[in-house]
Amino acid sequence: MSNTKSSNQIFTIAERLEHGTFSVAESKSLAGVSNTKFYNDAKRGLIKIYKRGNSSFTRGPDLKIYMGFVDCPEQRGRKKKLFEVVE
């Protein structure tokens, strides 16, 4: 038996929230917010959206903060930006 992981390894959502990425559609679904709210929150700097080619994604650790799984003083009341918006 080999100790290497197979190329079709399935990661749990918890593992992806810790170290992985999520598509924007997955992020909105997990956070339970609408398309408009998600993009407005991104514009306000509450969640960072990254681009990879034509795809947009969020990092798992950022999504954990956005969803409130991590106590982040900057997130309380959602009045302060977590990320700078670069235009």
Protein backbone atom coordinates (compact mmCIF):
# COMPACT_ATOMS: atom_id res chain seq x y z
CA MET A 1 0.00 0.00 0.00
CA SER A 2 1.13 3.47 -0.82
CA ASN A 3 1.04 6.43 1.57
CA THR A 4 0.51 8.96 -1.23
CA LYS A 5 -2.86 10.61 -1.74
CA SER A 6 -4.74 9.77 -4.91
CA SER A 7 -5.38 12.53 -7.42
CA ASN A 8 -9.14 12.27 -6.85
CA GLN A 9 -8.89 13.01 -3.11
CA ILE A 10 -12.10 14.53 -1.75
CA PHE A 11 -11.68 17.29 0.82
CA THR A 12 -14.29 18.12 3.42
CA ILE A 13 -15.82 21.57 3.66
CA ALA A 14 -14.04 22.02 7.01
CA GLU A 15 -10.68 21.30 5.34
CA ARG A 16 -11.49 23.69 2.50
CA LEU A 17 -12.52 26.41 4.98
CA GLU A 18 -9.17 25.94 6.69
CA HIS A 19 -6.88 25.75 3.65
CA GLY A 20 -8.82 25.79 0.39
CA THR A 21 -10.85 27.96 -1.93
CA PHE A 22 -14.52 28.23 -2.89
CA SER A 23 -16.19 29.48 -6.04
CA VAL A 24 -18.31 32.59 -5.59
CA ALA A 25 -21.45 30.46 -6.04
CA GLU A 26 -20.30 28.04 -3.30
CA SER A 27 -19.38 30.96 -1.04
CA LYS A 28 -22.79 32.60 -1.41
CA SER A 29 -24.54 29.31 -0.78
CA LEU A 30 -22.51 28.50 2.34
CA ALA A 31 -22.94 32.03 3.71
CA GLY A 32 -26.65 31.98 2.91
CA VAL A 33 -26.64 35.37 1.22
CA SER A 34 -27.98 36.65 -2.07
CA ASN A 35 -25.90 37.54 -5.07
CA THR A 36 -26.46 41.26 -4.49
CA LYS A 37 -25.56 41.13 -0.79
CA PHE A 38 -22.41 39.10 -1.45
CA TYR A 39 -21.09 41.50 -4.09
CA ASN A 40 -22.08 44.55 -2.01
CA ASP A 41 -20.19 43.07 0.95
CA ALA A 42 -17.20 42.48 -1.33
CA LYS A 43 -17.39 46.09 -2.47
CA ARG A 44 -17.45 47.18 1.21
CA GLY A 45 -14.37 45.04 1.87
CA LEU A 46 -16.04 42.40 4.05
CA ILE A 47 -15.04 39.49 1.79
CA LYS A 48 -12.23 39.37 -0.77
CA ILE A 49 -12.89 37.97 -4.24
CA TYR A 50 -9.87 36.74 -6.17
CA LYS A 51 -9.57 36.07 -9.90
CA ARG A 52 -7.92 33.09 -11.55
CA GLY A 53 -8.32 33.49 -15.29
CA ASN A 54 -12.06 33.81 -15.91
CA SER A 55 -12.95 32.26 -12.55
CA SER A 56 -13.65 34.15 -9.34
CA PHE A 57 -13.10 32.57 -5.94
CA THR A 58 -12.75 33.26 -2.23
CA ARG A 59 -10.22 31.79 0.18
CA GLY A 60 -11.58 29.46 2.85
CA PRO A 61 -10.11 31.36 5.82
CA ASP A 62 -11.62 34.62 4.50
CA LEU A 63 -14.99 32.90 4.11
CA LYS A 64 -14.83 31.61 7.70
CA ILE A 65 -14.40 35.18 8.94
CA TYR A 66 -17.19 36.44 6.66
CA MET A 67 -19.59 33.77 7.91
CA GLY A 68 -18.71 34.53 11.53
CA PHE A 69 -17.03 31.21 12.37
CA VAL A 70 -13.95 33.10 13.55
CA ASP A 71 -14.21 35.88 16.10
CA CYS A 72 -12.60 38.80 14.36
CA PRO A 73 -12.82 42.18 16.14
CA GLU A 74 -12.79 43.98 12.80
CA GLN A 75 -15.88 42.02 11.72
CA ARG A 76 -18.10 42.91 14.69
CA GLY A 77 -20.96 45.01 13.42
CA ARG A 78 -19.51 44.74 9.91
CA LYS A 79 -18.61 48.41 10.00
CA LYS A 80 -14.90 48.11 9.32
CA LYS A 81 -13.41 46.73 6.15
CA LEU A 82 -11.45 43.52 6.41
CA PHE A 83 -9.87 43.98 3.02
CA GLU A 84 -8.91 47.00 1.02
CA VAL A 85 -10.87 47.42 -2.18
CA VAL A 86 -8.48 47.89 -5.09
CA GLU A 87 -9.97 49.41 -8.22
